[in-house]
Amino acid sequence: MVLGDIFYSKGEYEESRKYHINFLEQSTDDHYKSVVALKIGLSHLFEGDSLSAILYFDKTGEGNMDVDDDAYAKIKGEQYLNHLPSLNEIKLILIKNMIDAGKYK
């Protein structure tokens, strides 16, 4: 999962998805599965693939809801299933990712 997060923060979404999908498939624990599914969905959305994004937003309920990050990811995933984020919201998410990666000051 950590390598997936690193590639995600660098904007290398295809590489990020390889690690994140592997995490979803291999993990026997449900901790952080919602967060990872949300990141996979967002990465598809960033690249213009809304159909794939929706498939992963639908998986955001599979995490551990006792983990705050998973609970938040489930809420966002459900919101995005009902209404995909606007272009401005997508831009804000990308800017936040850049700030978190130290690329935007």
C-alpha atoms as a PDB file:
ATOM      1  CA  MET A   1       0.000   0.000   0.000  1.00  0.00           C
ATOM      2  CA  VAL A   2       2.828   2.416   0.826  1.00  0.00           C
ATOM      3  CA  LEU A   3       4.373   2.216  -2.645  1.00  0.00           C
ATOM      4  CA  GLY A   4       0.932   2.818  -4.125  1.00  0.00           C
ATOM      5  CA  ASP A   5       0.584   5.920  -1.970  1.00  0.00           C
ATOM      6  CA  ILE A   6       3.995   7.195  -3.051  1.00  0.00           C
ATOM      7  CA  PHE A   7       3.194   6.807  -6.733  1.00  0.00           C
ATOM      8  CA  TYR A   8      -0.264   8.332  -6.168  1.00  0.00           C
ATOM      9  CA  SER A   9       1.224  11.423  -4.526  1.00  0.00           C
ATOM     10  CA  LYS A  10       3.707  11.751  -7.398  1.00  0.00           C
ATOM     11  CA  GLY A  11       0.868  11.646  -9.927  1.00  0.00           C
ATOM     12  CA  GLU A  12       2.002   8.307 -11.354  1.00  0.00           C
ATOM     13  CA  TYR A  13      -1.483   6.870 -11.277  1.00  0.00           C
ATOM     14  CA  GLU A  14      -1.054   3.784 -13.429  1.00  0.00           C
ATOM     15  CA  GLU A  15       1.863   2.594 -11.298  1.00  0.00           C
ATOM     16  CA  SER A  16      -0.034   3.537  -8.138  1.00  0.00           C
ATOM     17  CA  ARG A  17      -3.005   1.438  -9.192  1.00  0.00           C
ATOM     18  CA  LYS A  18      -0.825  -1.670  -9.601  1.00  0.00           C
ATOM     19  CA  TYR A  19       0.175  -1.541  -5.942  1.00  0.00           C
ATOM     20  CA  HIS A  20      -3.205  -0.449  -4.655  1.00  0.00           C
ATOM     21  CA  ILE A  21      -5.103  -3.124  -6.587  1.00  0.00           C
ATOM     22  CA  ASN A  22      -2.631  -5.709  -5.333  1.00  0.00           C
ATOM     23  CA  PHE A  23      -3.300  -4.492  -1.779  1.00  0.00           C
ATOM     24  CA  LEU A  24      -7.067  -4.856  -2.242  1.00  0.00           C
ATOM     25  CA  GLU A  25      -6.673  -8.351  -3.687  1.00  0.00           C
ATOM     26  CA  GLN A  26      -4.066  -9.670  -1.254  1.00  0.00           C
ATOM     27  CA  SER A  27      -4.946  -8.072   2.076  1.00  0.00           C
ATOM     28  CA  THR A  28      -6.712 -10.345   4.525  1.00  0.00           C
ATOM     29  CA  ASP A  29      -7.488  -7.379   6.764  1.00  0.00           C
ATOM     30  CA  ASP A  30     -10.101  -4.755   5.911  1.00  0.00           C
ATOM     31  CA  HIS A  31      -8.136  -1.812   7.353  1.00  0.00           C
ATOM     32  CA  TYR A  32      -7.642   0.964   4.785  1.00  0.00           C
ATOM     33  CA  LYS A  33      -9.430  -0.849   1.963  1.00  0.00           C
ATOM     34  CA  SER A  34     -11.900   2.041   1.643  1.00  0.00           C
ATOM     35  CA  VAL A  35      -9.104   4.596   1.402  1.00  0.00           C
ATOM     36  CA  VAL A  36      -7.296   2.568  -1.238  1.00  0.00           C
ATOM     37  CA  ALA A  37     -10.482   2.031  -3.269  1.00  0.00           C
ATOM     38  CA  LEU A  38     -11.149   5.791  -3.155  1.00  0.00           C
ATOM     39  CA  LYS A  39      -7.619   6.566  -4.365  1.00  0.00           C
ATOM     40  CA  ILE A  40      -7.933   4.068  -7.215  1.00  0.00           C
ATOM     41  CA  GLY A  41     -11.265   5.597  -8.189  1.00  0.00           C
ATOM     42  CA  LEU A  42      -9.884   9.126  -8.056  1.00  0.00           C
ATOM     43  CA  SER A  43      -6.835   8.140 -10.088  1.00  0.00           C
ATOM     44  CA  HIS A  44      -9.120   6.803 -12.819  1.00  0.00           C
ATOM     45  CA  LEU A  45     -11.152   9.999 -12.651  1.00  0.00           C
ATOM     46  CA  PHE A  46      -8.010  12.154 -12.954  1.00  0.00           C
ATOM     47  CA  GLU A  47      -7.254  10.325 -16.189  1.00  0.00           C
ATOM     48  CA  GLY A  48     -10.803  10.751 -17.516  1.00  0.00           C
ATOM     49  CA  ASP A  49     -12.030   7.184 -16.946  1.00  0.00           C
ATOM     50  CA  SER A  50     -15.242   7.773 -15.006  1.00  0.00           C
ATOM     51  CA  LEU A  51     -16.593   4.238 -15.544  1.00  0.00           C
ATOM     52  CA  SER A  52     -13.593   2.635 -13.843  1.00  0.00           C
ATOM     53  CA  ALA A  53     -13.726   5.310 -11.153  1.00  0.00           C
ATOM     54  CA  ILE A  54     -17.330   4.392 -10.341  1.00  0.00           C
ATOM     55  CA  LEU A  55     -16.384   0.710  -9.962  1.00  0.00           C
ATOM     56  CA  TYR A  56     -13.896   1.616  -7.244  1.00  0.00           C
ATOM     57  CA  PHE A  57     -16.073   4.235  -5.568  1.00  0.00           C
ATOM     58  CA  ASP A  58     -18.544   1.383  -5.144  1.00  0.00           C
ATOM     59  CA  LYS A  59     -15.875  -0.573  -3.208  1.00  0.00           C
ATOM     60  CA  THR A  60     -15.309   2.151  -0.607  1.00  0.00           C
ATOM     61  CA  GLY A  61     -17.700   0.435   1.790  1.00  0.00           C
ATOM     62  CA  GLU A  62     -15.389  -2.590   2.124  1.00  0.00           C
ATOM     63  CA  GLY A  63     -12.997  -1.070   4.649  1.00  0.00           C
ATOM     64  CA  ASN A  64     -13.010  -0.980   8.428  1.00  0.00           C
ATOM     65  CA  MET A  65     -15.440   1.705   9.545  1.00  0.00           C
ATOM     66  CA  ASP A  66     -13.707   1.885  12.930  1.00  0.00           C
ATOM     67  CA  VAL A  67     -10.778   3.483  11.082  1.00  0.00           C
ATOM     68  CA  ASP A  68     -11.502   7.191  10.550  1.00  0.00           C
ATOM     69  CA  ASP A  69      -9.817   7.264   7.126  1.00  0.00           C
ATOM     70  CA  ASP A  70     -11.935   4.352   5.922  1.00  0.00           C
ATOM     71  CA  ALA A  71     -15.130   5.909   7.281  1.00  0.00           C
ATOM     72  CA  TYR A  72     -14.312   9.184   5.491  1.00  0.00           C
ATOM     73  CA  ALA A  73     -13.453   7.342   2.255  1.00  0.00           C
ATOM     74  CA  LYS A  74     -16.777   5.496   2.397  1.00  0.00           C
ATOM     75  CA  ILE A  75     -18.675   8.790   2.726  1.00  0.00           C
ATOM     76  CA  LYS A  76     -16.758  10.351  -0.188  1.00  0.00           C
ATOM     77  CA  GLY A  77     -17.171   7.211  -2.297  1.00  0.00           C
ATOM     78  CA  GLU A  78     -20.929   7.246  -1.752  1.00  0.00           C
ATOM     79  CA  GLN A  79     -21.068  10.942  -2.628  1.00  0.00           C
ATOM     80  CA  TYR A  80     -19.106  10.346  -5.823  1.00  0.00           C
ATOM     81  CA  LEU A  81     -21.347   7.428  -6.759  1.00  0.00           C
ATOM     82  CA  ASN A  82     -24.352   9.736  -6.544  1.00  0.00           C
ATOM     83  CA  HIS A  83     -22.634  12.646  -8.260  1.00  0.00           C
ATOM     84  CA  LEU A  84     -19.133  12.631  -9.697  1.00  0.00           C
ATOM     85  CA  PRO A  85     -16.970  15.530  -8.545  1.00  0.00           C
ATOM     86  CA  SER A  86     -17.006  18.644 -10.680  1.00  0.00           C
ATOM     87  CA  LEU A  87     -13.952  19.675 -12.667  1.00  0.00           C
ATOM     88  CA  ASN A  88     -13.178  22.307 -10.007  1.00  0.00           C
ATOM     89  CA  GLU A  89     -13.378  19.725  -7.224  1.00  0.00           C
ATOM     90  CA  ILE A  90     -11.069  17.419  -9.186  1.00  0.00           C
ATOM     91  CA  LYS A  91      -8.604  20.284  -9.559  1.00  0.00           C
ATOM     92  CA  LEU A  92      -8.746  20.944  -5.806  1.00  0.00           C
ATOM     93  CA  ILE A  93      -8.041  17.281  -5.056  1.00  0.00           C
ATOM     94  CA  LEU A  94      -5.084  17.344  -7.462  1.00  0.00           C
ATOM     95  CA  ILE A  95      -3.735  20.523  -5.835  1.00  0.00           C
ATOM     96  CA  LYS A  96      -4.076  18.945  -2.379  1.00  0.00           C
ATOM     97  CA  ASN A  97      -2.164  15.899  -3.632  1.00  0.00           C
ATOM     98  CA  MET A  98       0.578  18.172  -4.960  1.00  0.00           C
ATOM     99  CA  ILE A  99       0.811  20.010  -1.635  1.00  0.00           C
ATOM    100  CA  ASP A 100       0.941  16.705   0.263  1.00  0.00           C
ATOM    101  CA  ALA A 101       3.735  15.524  -2.053  1.00  0.00           C
ATOM    102  CA  GLY A 102       5.668  18.769  -1.535  1.00  0.00           C
ATOM    103  CA  LYS A 103       5.351  19.707  -5.213  1.00  0.00           C
ATOM    104  CA  TYR A 104       3.237  22.803  -4.795  1.00  0.00           C
ATOM    105  CA  LYS A 105       4.188  25.734  -2.620  1.00  0.00           C
END
